[in-house]
Amino acid sequence: MPFSAPDTATRELILSATDVTVAYGQHKALDGLNLEIREGELVGIIGPNGAGKTSFIRALCGRTRVTGDLNVAGTDLRRSTDRRRHIALVPQDIGLYPHLTARENLTVIGRLLGLKDRAAINQALETVEMSQHAKTRVSEMSGGMKRRINVAAAIMTGPKLVIFDEPTAGVDAPARDTVHRLARALADQGKAVILITHELEQAEALCDKILVLCKGKRLAFEPPARLLERSFENQREVMVRYATPPEPEVLNAMQPFAFTPGEMPTIWVAMTNANEVSFVSAFLTALKGENDLVREISVRRPGLTALMHRVEKTGQIAA
């Protein structure tokens, strides 16, 4: 049954972090983090390598020393030894026995967790829409099905907070989409969900809020639309795709427009405050007869990918 959440202010507070710091010697991997996550919220955590994402998850899971206050569902994590009742971690790797069926896997894992309630296994299978495959061996499952059972194994204990720690790294598109849909579905059912991911377009579309970390510090924590509006205001992102990587004369023509390399050698991106029609017209004029090399020009509002490029270069979210 879908979760019908009250207004944000009246939702149950699931995770509260106050001045949370993780230090390794003199280096602060996480520096004074403050945030609150409520029931029904899906929060994406993004940031460059070394931003503090892993340190935050390790702090939540009790795998590193931490100062500050961490509270989940009214429980002080620094004093609680049994975090499994409150927090579930869905890791990047598949932690299942391939020769066992889905139900047999969950039964074994449940016993290791001290779970004796068979109904919890049935509920977990139902939640990830795998009840009809309960007797299927894991070795016979697709990548997306394995991911679903991996999630089921994590949520059997009925946690309030579910953490997806880069669960789509190295997986194909269907399996990736499966994981993201499950994360959204769990939030819609009332869980508080954290998603650490490099799939920025997916995070922008799915998440209620985005936490941006850089060098251990919180740069932003707000809904993606508000974050992008505040970061880019009226700017537009212009993407040019060439048939082949541009030659030196084309690169010279691009310089006044401040293009930077995109994800492939044929893709270049620029940000502009100017009217997009005027910008594109001036750019095509500057190419001086090399227009036939251009396969595509698109103009759009900047997304989280553009924001991450800025954070990686400047350590800031605003220009």
C-alpha atoms as a PDB file:
ATOM      1  CA  MET A   1       0.000   0.000   0.000  1.00  0.00           C
ATOM      2  CA  PRO A   2       1.511   3.384  -0.968  1.00  0.00           C
ATOM      3  CA  PHE A   3       2.788   5.558   1.857  1.00  0.00           C
ATOM      4  CA  SER A   4       0.650   8.670   2.345  1.00  0.00           C
ATOM      5  CA  ALA A   5       2.959  11.066   4.126  1.00  0.00           C
ATOM      6  CA  PRO A   6       1.789  14.141   6.013  1.00  0.00           C
ATOM      7  CA  ASP A   7       3.409  17.498   5.427  1.00  0.00           C
ATOM      8  CA  THR A   8       7.191  17.386   5.642  1.00  0.00           C
ATOM      9  CA  ALA A   9       7.300  19.250   8.960  1.00  0.00           C
ATOM     10  CA  THR A  10       5.051  16.670  10.652  1.00  0.00           C
ATOM     11  CA  ARG A  11       6.727  13.522   9.289  1.00  0.00           C
ATOM     12  CA  GLU A  12       8.664  11.415  11.773  1.00  0.00           C
ATOM     13  CA  LEU A  13      12.306  12.406  12.058  1.00  0.00           C
ATOM     14  CA  ILE A  14      14.322   9.290  11.181  1.00  0.00           C
ATOM     15  CA  LEU A  15      17.946  10.466  10.959  1.00  0.00           C
ATOM     16  CA  SER A  16      19.461  13.397  12.781  1.00  0.00           C
ATOM     17  CA  ALA A  17      23.147  14.261  12.417  1.00  0.00           C
ATOM     18  CA  THR A  18      24.562  17.105  14.488  1.00  0.00           C
ATOM     19  CA  ASP A  19      28.149  18.300  14.074  1.00  0.00           C
ATOM     20  CA  VAL A  20      29.222  14.823  12.924  1.00  0.00           C
ATOM     21  CA  THR A  21      32.963  14.600  12.345  1.00  0.00           C
ATOM     22  CA  VAL A  22      35.131  11.687  11.227  1.00  0.00           C
ATOM     23  CA  ALA A  23      38.875  12.228  11.522  1.00  0.00           C
ATOM     24  CA  TYR A  24      41.819  10.066  10.522  1.00  0.00           C
ATOM     25  CA  GLY A  25      44.737  11.616  12.343  1.00  0.00           C
ATOM     26  CA  GLN A  26      44.801  15.302  11.416  1.00  0.00           C
ATOM     27  CA  HIS A  27      42.641  14.768   8.327  1.00  0.00           C
ATOM     28  CA  LYS A  28      38.899  15.376   8.697  1.00  0.00           C
ATOM     29  CA  ALA A  29      37.118  13.103   6.232  1.00  0.00           C
ATOM     30  CA  LEU A  30      33.796  14.478   7.469  1.00  0.00           C
ATOM     31  CA  ASP A  31      33.769  17.910   9.044  1.00  0.00           C
ATOM     32  CA  GLY A  32      30.845  19.035  11.209  1.00  0.00           C
ATOM     33  CA  LEU A  33      27.979  17.576   9.165  1.00  0.00           C
ATOM     34  CA  ASN A  34      24.443  18.580  10.085  1.00  0.00           C
ATOM     35  CA  LEU A  35      21.273  17.232   8.475  1.00  0.00           C
ATOM     36  CA  GLU A  36      17.861  15.738   9.127  1.00  0.00           C
ATOM     37  CA  ILE A  37      16.053  13.080   7.076  1.00  0.00           C
ATOM     38  CA  ARG A  38      12.391  12.290   7.662  1.00  0.00           C
ATOM     39  CA  GLU A  39      10.169   9.330   6.811  1.00  0.00           C
ATOM     40  CA  GLY A  40       9.280   9.070   3.145  1.00  0.00           C
ATOM     41  CA  GLU A  41      12.323  11.038   1.966  1.00  0.00           C
ATOM     42  CA  LEU A  42      14.786   9.801  -0.635  1.00  0.00           C
ATOM     43  CA  VAL A  43      18.068  11.678  -0.222  1.00  0.00           C
ATOM     44  CA  GLY A  44      20.833  11.472  -2.803  1.00  0.00           C
ATOM     45  CA  ILE A  45      24.407  12.051  -1.645  1.00  0.00           C
ATOM     46  CA  ILE A  46      26.843  13.260  -4.297  1.00  0.00           C
ATOM     47  CA  GLY A  47      30.344  14.662  -4.305  1.00  0.00           C
ATOM     48  CA  PRO A  48      33.823  14.185  -5.781  1.00  0.00           C
ATOM     49  CA  ASN A  49      36.128  11.385  -4.674  1.00  0.00           C
ATOM     50  CA  GLY A  50      37.239  12.082  -1.124  1.00  0.00           C
ATOM     51  CA  ALA A  51      34.159  14.199  -0.393  1.00  0.00           C
ATOM     52  CA  GLY A  52      33.241  12.232   2.736  1.00  0.00           C
ATOM     53  CA  LYS A  53      30.416  10.065   1.389  1.00  0.00           C
ATOM     54  CA  THR A  54      31.964   6.752   2.441  1.00  0.00           C
ATOM     55  CA  SER A  55      33.001   8.132   5.826  1.00  0.00           C
ATOM     56  CA  PHE A  56      29.417   9.197   6.503  1.00  0.00           C
ATOM     57  CA  ILE A  57      28.069   5.738   5.685  1.00  0.00           C
ATOM     58  CA  ARG A  58      30.782   4.095   7.798  1.00  0.00           C
ATOM     59  CA  ALA A  59      29.791   6.373  10.668  1.00  0.00           C
ATOM     60  CA  LEU A  60      26.131   5.392  10.331  1.00  0.00           C
ATOM     61  CA  CYS A  61      27.039   1.696  10.247  1.00  0.00           C
ATOM     62  CA  GLY A  62      29.377   1.894  13.249  1.00  0.00           C
ATOM     63  CA  ARG A  63      32.507   1.132  11.254  1.00  0.00           C
ATOM     64  CA  THR A  64      34.505   4.183  12.251  1.00  0.00           C
ATOM     65  CA  ARG A  65      34.918   6.468  15.239  1.00  0.00           C
ATOM     66  CA  VAL A  66      32.823   9.598  15.131  1.00  0.00           C
ATOM     67  CA  THR A  67      32.286  12.732  17.184  1.00  0.00           C
ATOM     68  CA  GLY A  68      29.014  14.626  17.252  1.00  0.00           C
ATOM     69  CA  ASP A  69      25.511  13.223  17.563  1.00  0.00           C
ATOM     70  CA  LEU A  70      23.965  10.547  15.319  1.00  0.00           C
ATOM     71  CA  ASN A  71      20.384   9.584  16.053  1.00  0.00           C
ATOM     72  CA  VAL A  72      18.170   7.154  14.108  1.00  0.00           C
ATOM     73  CA  ALA A  73      14.509   6.683  15.036  1.00  0.00           C
ATOM     74  CA  GLY A  74      15.102   8.067  18.514  1.00  0.00           C
ATOM     75  CA  THR A  75      18.162   5.902  19.178  1.00  0.00           C
ATOM     76  CA  ASP A  76      21.593   7.359  19.881  1.00  0.00           C
ATOM     77  CA  LEU A  77      23.833   5.368  17.548  1.00  0.00           C
ATOM     78  CA  ARG A  78      26.899   6.026  19.656  1.00  0.00           C
ATOM     79  CA  ARG A  79      25.315   4.075  22.529  1.00  0.00           C
ATOM     80  CA  SER A  80      23.399   1.460  20.559  1.00  0.00           C
ATOM     81  CA  THR A  81      25.153  -1.749  19.542  1.00  0.00           C
ATOM     82  CA  ASP A  82      22.270  -3.258  17.533  1.00  0.00           C
ATOM     83  CA  ARG A  83      21.942  -0.979  14.521  1.00  0.00           C
ATOM     84  CA  ARG A  84      20.292  -3.690  12.406  1.00  0.00           C
ATOM     85  CA  ARG A  85      16.872  -2.872  13.877  1.00  0.00           C
ATOM     86  CA  HIS A  86      17.185   0.683  12.604  1.00  0.00           C
ATOM     87  CA  ILE A  87      19.478   0.700   9.544  1.00  0.00           C
ATOM     88  CA  ALA A  88      19.755  -1.497   6.449  1.00  0.00           C
ATOM     89  CA  LEU A  89      22.699  -1.293   4.065  1.00  0.00           C
ATOM     90  CA  VAL A  90      22.348  -2.333   0.427  1.00  0.00           C
ATOM     91  CA  PRO A  91      25.967  -2.676  -0.752  1.00  0.00           C
ATOM     92  CA  GLN A  92      27.421  -2.484  -4.234  1.00  0.00           C
ATOM     93  CA  ASP A  93      28.229  -6.206  -4.325  1.00  0.00           C
ATOM     94  CA  ILE A  94      25.716  -9.038  -4.488  1.00  0.00           C
ATOM     95  CA  GLY A  95      25.918 -10.919  -1.170  1.00  0.00           C
ATOM     96  CA  LEU A  96      23.918 -14.032  -2.064  1.00  0.00           C
ATOM     97  CA  TYR A  97      24.563 -17.784  -2.365  1.00  0.00           C
ATOM     98  CA  PRO A  98      24.120 -18.640  -6.067  1.00  0.00           C
ATOM     99  CA  HIS A  99      23.236 -22.315  -5.456  1.00  0.00           C
ATOM    100  CA  LEU A 100      20.341 -21.436  -3.124  1.00  0.00           C
ATOM    101  CA  THR A 101      16.889 -20.158  -4.026  1.00  0.00           C
ATOM    102  CA  ALA A 102      15.729 -16.653  -3.177  1.00  0.00           C
ATOM    103  CA  ARG A 103      13.791 -17.874  -0.138  1.00  0.00           C
ATOM    104  CA  GLU A 104      16.646 -20.097   1.042  1.00  0.00           C
ATOM    105  CA  ASN A 105      19.044 -17.149   0.820  1.00  0.00           C
ATOM    106  CA  LEU A 106      16.754 -14.957   2.888  1.00  0.00           C
ATOM    107  CA  THR A 107      16.226 -17.749   5.422  1.00  0.00           C
ATOM    108  CA  VAL A 108      19.977 -18.200   5.928  1.00  0.00           C
ATOM    109  CA  ILE A 109      20.614 -14.462   6.139  1.00  0.00           C
ATOM    110  CA  GLY A 110      17.658 -14.057   8.481  1.00  0.00           C
ATOM    111  CA  ARG A 111      19.083 -16.650  10.874  1.00  0.00           C
ATOM    112  CA  LEU A 112      22.436 -14.849  10.870  1.00  0.00           C
ATOM    113  CA  LEU A 113      20.570 -11.677  11.812  1.00  0.00           C
ATOM    114  CA  GLY A 114      18.622 -13.451  14.544  1.00  0.00           C
ATOM    115  CA  LEU A 115      15.384 -13.125  12.587  1.00  0.00           C
ATOM    116  CA  LYS A 116      12.904 -15.952  13.272  1.00  0.00           C
ATOM    117  CA  ASP A 117       9.793 -14.459  11.725  1.00  0.00           C
ATOM    118  CA  ARG A 118       8.992 -16.228   8.438  1.00  0.00           C
ATOM    119  CA  ALA A 119       6.448 -13.515   7.667  1.00  0.00           C
ATOM    120  CA  ALA A 120       9.291 -10.994   7.446  1.00  0.00           C
ATOM    121  CA  ILE A 121      10.810 -12.979   4.577  1.00  0.00           C
ATOM    122  CA  ASN A 122       7.489 -13.076   2.756  1.00  0.00           C
ATOM    123  CA  GLN A 123       7.050  -9.337   3.274  1.00  0.00           C
ATOM    124  CA  ALA A 124      10.547  -8.585   1.989  1.00  0.00           C
ATOM    125  CA  LEU A 125       9.952 -10.681  -1.148  1.00  0.00           C
ATOM    126  CA  GLU A 126       6.652  -8.929  -1.721  1.00  0.00           C
ATOM    127  CA  THR A 127       8.194  -5.502  -1.252  1.00  0.00           C
ATOM    128  CA  VAL A 128      10.774  -6.126  -3.984  1.00  0.00           C
ATOM    129  CA  GLU A 129       8.158  -7.861  -6.180  1.00  0.00           C
ATOM    130  CA  MET A 130       9.934 -11.232  -6.147  1.00  0.00           C
ATOM    131  CA  SER A 131       7.364 -13.456  -4.427  1.00  0.00           C
ATOM    132  CA  GLN A 132       6.769 -15.380  -7.642  1.00  0.00           C
ATOM    133  CA  HIS A 133      10.501 -16.158  -7.871  1.00  0.00           C
ATOM    134  CA  ALA A 134      10.948 -17.312  -4.267  1.00  0.00           C
ATOM    135  CA  LYS A 135      11.903 -20.835  -5.384  1.00  0.00           C
ATOM    136  CA  THR A 136      14.242 -19.717  -8.193  1.00  0.00           C
ATOM    137  CA  ARG A 137      17.959 -20.315  -7.707  1.00  0.00           C
ATOM    138  CA  VAL A 138      20.000 -17.118  -7.641  1.00  0.00           C
ATOM    139  CA  SER A 139      22.328 -18.535 -10.324  1.00  0.00           C
ATOM    140  CA  GLU A 140      19.353 -18.606 -12.704  1.00  0.00           C
ATOM    141  CA  MET A 141      18.344 -14.988 -12.102  1.00  0.00           C
ATOM    142  CA  SER A 142      19.011 -11.888 -14.189  1.00  0.00           C
ATOM    143  CA  GLY A 143      21.126  -9.081 -12.771  1.00  0.00           C
ATOM    144  CA  GLY A 144      18.052  -7.039 -11.884  1.00  0.00           C
ATOM    145  CA  MET A 145      16.437  -9.958 -10.062  1.00  0.00           C
ATOM    146  CA  LYS A 146      19.595 -10.541  -8.020  1.00  0.00           C
ATOM    147  CA  ARG A 147      19.605  -6.870  -7.069  1.00  0.00           C
ATOM    148  CA  ARG A 148      16.018  -7.174  -5.869  1.00  0.00           C
ATOM    149  CA  ILE A 149      16.876 -10.137  -3.625  1.00  0.00           C
ATOM    150  CA  ASN A 150      19.910  -8.237  -2.344  1.00  0.00           C
ATOM    151  CA  VAL A 151      17.572  -5.432  -1.295  1.00  0.00           C
ATOM    152  CA  ALA A 152      15.137  -7.913   0.255  1.00  0.00           C
ATOM    153  CA  ALA A 153      17.971  -9.330   2.383  1.00  0.00           C
ATOM    154  CA  ALA A 154      18.721  -5.843   3.672  1.00  0.00           C
ATOM    155  CA  ILE A 155      15.179  -4.832   4.611  1.00  0.00           C
ATOM    156  CA  MET A 156      13.980  -8.034   6.335  1.00  0.00           C
ATOM    157  CA  THR A 157      14.526  -6.558   9.793  1.00  0.00           C
ATOM    158  CA  GLY A 158      12.097  -3.706   9.070  1.00  0.00           C
ATOM    159  CA  PRO A 159      14.590  -0.825   9.311  1.00  0.00           C
ATOM    160  CA  LYS A 160      13.539   2.812   9.388  1.00  0.00           C
ATOM    161  CA  LEU A 161      16.571   3.893   7.339  1.00  0.00           C
ATOM    162  CA  VAL A 162      17.760   2.143   4.162  1.00  0.00           C
ATOM    163  CA  ILE A 163      21.147   3.024   2.649  1.00  0.00           C
ATOM    164  CA  PHE A 164      21.989   2.259  -0.976  1.00  0.00           C
ATOM    165  CA  ASP A 165      25.788   2.555  -1.198  1.00  0.00           C
ATOM    166  CA  GLU A 166      26.653   2.965  -4.903  1.00  0.00           C
ATOM    167  CA  PRO A 167      24.555  -0.102  -5.742  1.00  0.00           C
ATOM    168  CA  THR A 168      24.621   0.498  -9.517  1.00  0.00           C
ATOM    169  CA  ALA A 169      28.379   0.657 -10.071  1.00  0.00           C
ATOM    170  CA  GLY A 170      29.345  -1.713 -12.875  1.00  0.00           C
ATOM    171  CA  VAL A 171      25.820  -3.004 -13.581  1.00  0.00           C
ATOM    172  CA  ASP A 172      23.831  -2.859 -16.806  1.00  0.00           C
ATOM    173  CA  ALA A 173      21.081  -0.313 -17.443  1.00  0.00           C
ATOM    174  CA  PRO A 174      18.099  -2.581 -16.615  1.00  0.00           C
ATOM    175  CA  ALA A 175      19.610  -3.607 -13.265  1.00  0.00           C
ATOM    176  CA  ARG A 176      20.472   0.021 -12.516  1.00  0.00           C
ATOM    177  CA  ASP A 177      16.913   1.125 -13.205  1.00  0.00           C
ATOM    178  CA  THR A 178      15.610  -1.692 -11.003  1.00  0.00           C
ATOM    179  CA  VAL A 179      17.674  -0.510  -8.037  1.00  0.00           C
ATOM    180  CA  HIS A 180      16.613   3.105  -8.457  1.00  0.00           C
ATOM    181  CA  ARG A 181      12.933   2.179  -8.703  1.00  0.00           C
ATOM    182  CA  LEU A 182      13.266   0.134  -5.514  1.00  0.00           C
ATOM    183  CA  ALA A 183      14.887   3.042  -3.688  1.00  0.00           C
ATOM    184  CA  ARG A 184      12.022   5.315  -4.697  1.00  0.00           C
ATOM    185  CA  ALA A 185       9.417   2.677  -3.834  1.00  0.00           C
ATOM    186  CA  LEU A 186      10.846   2.168  -0.339  1.00  0.00           C
ATOM    187  CA  ALA A 187      10.681   5.910   0.297  1.00  0.00           C
ATOM    188  CA  ASP A 188       7.096   5.972  -0.973  1.00  0.00           C
ATOM    189  CA  GLN A 189       6.320   3.224   1.563  1.00  0.00           C
ATOM    190  CA  GLY A 190       7.557   5.440   4.387  1.00  0.00           C
ATOM    191  CA  LYS A 191      11.219   4.513   4.764  1.00  0.00           C
ATOM    192  CA  ALA A 192      13.928   7.124   4.951  1.00  0.00           C
ATOM    193  CA  VAL A 193      16.283   6.265   2.093  1.00  0.00           C
ATOM    194  CA  ILE A 194      19.838   7.385   1.352  1.00  0.00           C
ATOM    195  CA  LEU A 195      21.188   6.840  -2.166  1.00  0.00           C
ATOM    196  CA  ILE A 196      24.882   7.321  -2.881  1.00  0.00           C
ATOM    197  CA  THR A 197      25.281   7.301  -6.643  1.00  0.00           C
ATOM    198  CA  HIS A 198      27.219   8.578  -9.634  1.00  0.00           C
ATOM    199  CA  GLU A 199      24.064   8.352 -11.772  1.00  0.00           C
ATOM    200  CA  LEU A 200      23.363  12.066 -11.491  1.00  0.00           C
ATOM    201  CA  GLU A 201      20.456  12.298 -13.912  1.00  0.00           C
ATOM    202  CA  GLN A 202      18.684   9.509 -12.030  1.00  0.00           C
ATOM    203  CA  ALA A 203      19.366  11.222  -8.703  1.00  0.00           C
ATOM    204  CA  GLU A 204      17.977  14.504 -10.029  1.00  0.00           C
ATOM    205  CA  ALA A 205      14.789  12.797 -11.198  1.00  0.00           C
ATOM    206  CA  LEU A 206      14.184  10.529  -8.188  1.00  0.00           C
ATOM    207  CA  CYS A 207      15.470  12.236  -5.059  1.00  0.00           C
ATOM    208  CA  ASP A 208      13.515  14.547  -2.776  1.00  0.00           C
ATOM    209  CA  LYS A 209      16.732  16.203  -1.591  1.00  0.00           C
ATOM    210  CA  ILE A 210      20.382  16.230  -2.603  1.00  0.00           C
ATOM    211  CA  LEU A 211      23.263  16.401  -0.123  1.00  0.00           C
ATOM    212  CA  VAL A 212      26.395  17.782  -1.790  1.00  0.00           C
ATOM    213  CA  LEU A 213      29.655  17.024   0.011  1.00  0.00           C
ATOM    214  CA  CYS A 214      33.126  18.279  -0.829  1.00  0.00           C
ATOM    215  CA  LYS A 215      36.292  17.780   1.221  1.00  0.00           C
ATOM    216  CA  GLY A 216      34.232  16.613   4.158  1.00  0.00           C
ATOM    217  CA  LYS A 217      31.956  19.654   4.279  1.00  0.00           C
ATOM    218  CA  ARG A 218      28.313  20.068   3.404  1.00  0.00           C
ATOM    219  CA  LEU A 219      27.887  22.433   0.455  1.00  0.00           C
ATOM    220  CA  ALA A 220      24.135  22.011   0.057  1.00  0.00           C
ATOM    221  CA  PHE A 221      21.166  19.988   1.285  1.00  0.00           C
ATOM    222  CA  GLU A 222      17.925  20.798  -0.520  1.00  0.00           C
ATOM    223  CA  PRO A 223      15.547  19.661  -3.284  1.00  0.00           C
ATOM    224  CA  PRO A 224      17.356  19.268  -6.623  1.00  0.00           C
ATOM    225  CA  ALA A 225      15.245  21.867  -8.465  1.00  0.00           C
ATOM    226  CA  ARG A 226      15.925  24.507  -5.797  1.00  0.00           C
ATOM    227  CA  LEU A 227      19.618  23.591  -5.661  1.00  0.00           C
ATOM    228  CA  LEU A 228      20.050  23.956  -9.419  1.00  0.00           C
ATOM    229  CA  GLU A 229      18.074  27.195  -9.572  1.00  0.00           C
ATOM    230  CA  ARG A 230      20.208  28.689  -6.802  1.00  0.00           C
ATOM    231  CA  SER A 231      23.444  27.464  -8.385  1.00  0.00           C
ATOM    232  CA  PHE A 232      22.847  28.476 -12.009  1.00  0.00           C
ATOM    233  CA  GLU A 233      20.033  31.068 -11.943  1.00  0.00           C
ATOM    234  CA  ASN A 234      19.399  31.998 -15.613  1.00  0.00           C
ATOM    235  CA  GLN A 235      22.361  30.164 -17.104  1.00  0.00           C
ATOM    236  CA  ARG A 236      21.954  27.656 -19.906  1.00  0.00           C
ATOM    237  CA  GLU A 237      24.129  24.690 -20.830  1.00  0.00           C
ATOM    238  CA  VAL A 238      25.060  24.401 -24.510  1.00  0.00           C
ATOM    239  CA  MET A 239      26.229  20.993 -25.729  1.00  0.00           C
ATOM    240  CA  VAL A 240      27.909  20.548 -29.108  1.00  0.00           C
ATOM    241  CA  ARG A 241      28.517  17.088 -30.566  1.00  0.00           C
ATOM    242  CA  TYR A 242      30.878  16.723 -33.511  1.00  0.00           C
ATOM    243  CA  ALA A 243      31.142  13.901 -36.039  1.00  0.00           C
ATOM    244  CA  THR A 244      34.826  13.504 -35.093  1.00  0.00           C
ATOM    245  CA  PRO A 245      37.007  15.083 -32.384  1.00  0.00           C
ATOM    246  CA  PRO A 246      37.568  18.739 -33.358  1.00  0.00           C
ATOM    247  CA  GLU A 247      40.820  19.735 -35.069  1.00  0.00           C
ATOM    248  CA  PRO A 248      43.021  22.612 -33.759  1.00  0.00           C
ATOM    249  CA  GLU A 249      41.368  25.257 -35.966  1.00  0.00           C
ATOM    250  CA  VAL A 250      37.946  24.313 -34.596  1.00  0.00           C
ATOM    251  CA  LEU A 251      39.262  24.332 -31.031  1.00  0.00           C
ATOM    252  CA  ASN A 252      40.618  27.836 -31.616  1.00  0.00           C
ATOM    253  CA  ALA A 253      37.218  28.995 -32.846  1.00  0.00           C
ATOM    254  CA  MET A 254      35.622  27.550 -29.697  1.00  0.00           C
ATOM    255  CA  GLN A 255      37.901  29.319 -27.228  1.00  0.00           C
ATOM    256  CA  PRO A 256      35.948  32.614 -26.952  1.00  0.00           C
ATOM    257  CA  PHE A 257      32.866  30.638 -25.956  1.00  0.00           C
ATOM    258  CA  ALA A 258      34.591  28.833 -23.043  1.00  0.00           C
ATOM    259  CA  PHE A 259      33.746  25.306 -24.158  1.00  0.00           C
ATOM    260  CA  THR A 260      35.069  22.474 -22.010  1.00  0.00           C
ATOM    261  CA  PRO A 261      35.414  18.764 -22.871  1.00  0.00           C
ATOM    262  CA  GLY A 262      32.363  16.585 -22.261  1.00  0.00           C
ATOM    263  CA  GLU A 263      32.054  12.888 -21.546  1.00  0.00           C
ATOM    264  CA  MET A 264      33.455  11.901 -24.971  1.00  0.00           C
ATOM    265  CA  PRO A 265      36.074  13.494 -27.282  1.00  0.00           C
ATOM    266  CA  THR A 266      33.320  14.555 -29.699  1.00  0.00           C
ATOM    267  CA  ILE A 267      31.240  16.361 -27.030  1.00  0.00           C
ATOM    268  CA  TRP A 268      31.932  19.872 -25.744  1.00  0.00           C
ATOM    269  CA  VAL A 269      29.933  21.917 -23.254  1.00  0.00           C
ATOM    270  CA  ALA A 270      29.658  25.621 -22.452  1.00  0.00           C
ATOM    271  CA  MET A 271      27.659  27.683 -19.966  1.00  0.00           C
ATOM    272  CA  THR A 272      26.117  30.999 -20.999  1.00  0.00           C
ATOM    273  CA  ASN A 273      24.034  33.817 -19.562  1.00  0.00           C
ATOM    274  CA  ALA A 274      23.408  35.145 -23.067  1.00  0.00           C
ATOM    275  CA  ASN A 275      20.322  34.465 -25.134  1.00  0.00           C
ATOM    276  CA  GLU A 276      20.765  30.899 -26.328  1.00  0.00           C
ATOM    277  CA  VAL A 277      19.796  31.696 -29.916  1.00  0.00           C
ATOM    278  CA  SER A 278      22.349  34.497 -30.084  1.00  0.00           C
ATOM    279  CA  PHE A 279      25.014  32.283 -28.480  1.00  0.00           C
ATOM    280  CA  VAL A 280      24.496  29.434 -30.943  1.00  0.00           C
ATOM    281  CA  SER A 281      24.347  31.801 -33.924  1.00  0.00           C
ATOM    282  CA  ALA A 282      27.605  33.489 -32.926  1.00  0.00           C
ATOM    283  CA  PHE A 283      29.272  30.121 -32.360  1.00  0.00           C
ATOM    284  CA  LEU A 284      28.275  28.749 -35.764  1.00  0.00           C
ATOM    285  CA  THR A 285      29.499  31.948 -37.402  1.00  0.00           C
ATOM    286  CA  ALA A 286      32.851  31.574 -35.646  1.00  0.00           C
ATOM    287  CA  LEU A 287      33.339  28.094 -37.099  1.00  0.00           C
ATOM    288  CA  LYS A 288      33.784  29.683 -40.571  1.00  0.00           C
ATOM    289  CA  GLY A 289      32.607  26.919 -42.847  1.00  0.00           C
ATOM    290  CA  GLU A 290      33.283  24.023 -40.476  1.00  0.00           C
ATOM    291  CA  ASN A 291      29.583  23.738 -39.599  1.00  0.00           C
ATOM    292  CA  ASP A 292      29.276  20.416 -41.399  1.00  0.00           C
ATOM    293  CA  LEU A 293      31.351  18.849 -38.600  1.00  0.00           C
ATOM    294  CA  VAL A 294      28.594  19.625 -36.089  1.00  0.00           C
ATOM    295  CA  ARG A 295      26.187  16.719 -35.610  1.00  0.00           C
ATOM    296  CA  GLU A 296      24.107  18.192 -32.816  1.00  0.00           C
ATOM    297  CA  ILE A 297      23.666  21.331 -30.727  1.00  0.00           C
ATOM    298  CA  SER A 298      21.384  21.267 -27.696  1.00  0.00           C
ATOM    299  CA  VAL A 299      20.510  23.883 -25.085  1.00  0.00           C
ATOM    300  CA  ARG A 300      19.129  22.985 -21.683  1.00  0.00           C
ATOM    301  CA  ARG A 301      18.968  24.063 -18.088  1.00  0.00           C
ATOM    302  CA  PRO A 302      22.059  22.798 -16.221  1.00  0.00           C
ATOM    303  CA  GLY A 303      21.565  19.604 -14.208  1.00  0.00           C
ATOM    304  CA  LEU A 304      23.428  17.821 -11.437  1.00  0.00           C
ATOM    305  CA  THR A 305      26.110  16.715 -13.912  1.00  0.00           C
ATOM    306  CA  ALA A 306      26.989  20.348 -14.604  1.00  0.00           C
ATOM    307  CA  LEU A 307      26.907  21.066 -10.879  1.00  0.00           C
ATOM    308  CA  MET A 308      29.304  18.202 -10.136  1.00  0.00           C
ATOM    309  CA  HIS A 309      31.748  19.465 -12.767  1.00  0.00           C
ATOM    310  CA  ARG A 310      31.714  22.840 -11.026  1.00  0.00           C
ATOM    311  CA  VAL A 311      32.215  21.293  -7.579  1.00  0.00           C
ATOM    312  CA  GLU A 312      35.097  19.152  -8.817  1.00  0.00           C
ATOM    313  CA  LYS A 313      36.846  22.204 -10.314  1.00  0.00           C
ATOM    314  CA  THR A 314      36.105  24.885  -7.736  1.00  0.00           C
ATOM    315  CA  GLY A 315      34.851  23.182  -4.571  1.00  0.00           C
ATOM    316  CA  GLN A 316      31.777  25.405  -4.738  1.00  0.00           C
ATOM    317  CA  ILE A 317      28.225  25.172  -6.049  1.00  0.00           C
ATOM    318  CA  ALA A 318      27.864  28.799  -7.146  1.00  0.00           C
ATOM    319  CA  ALA A 319      29.825  30.477  -9.913  1.00  0.00           C
END
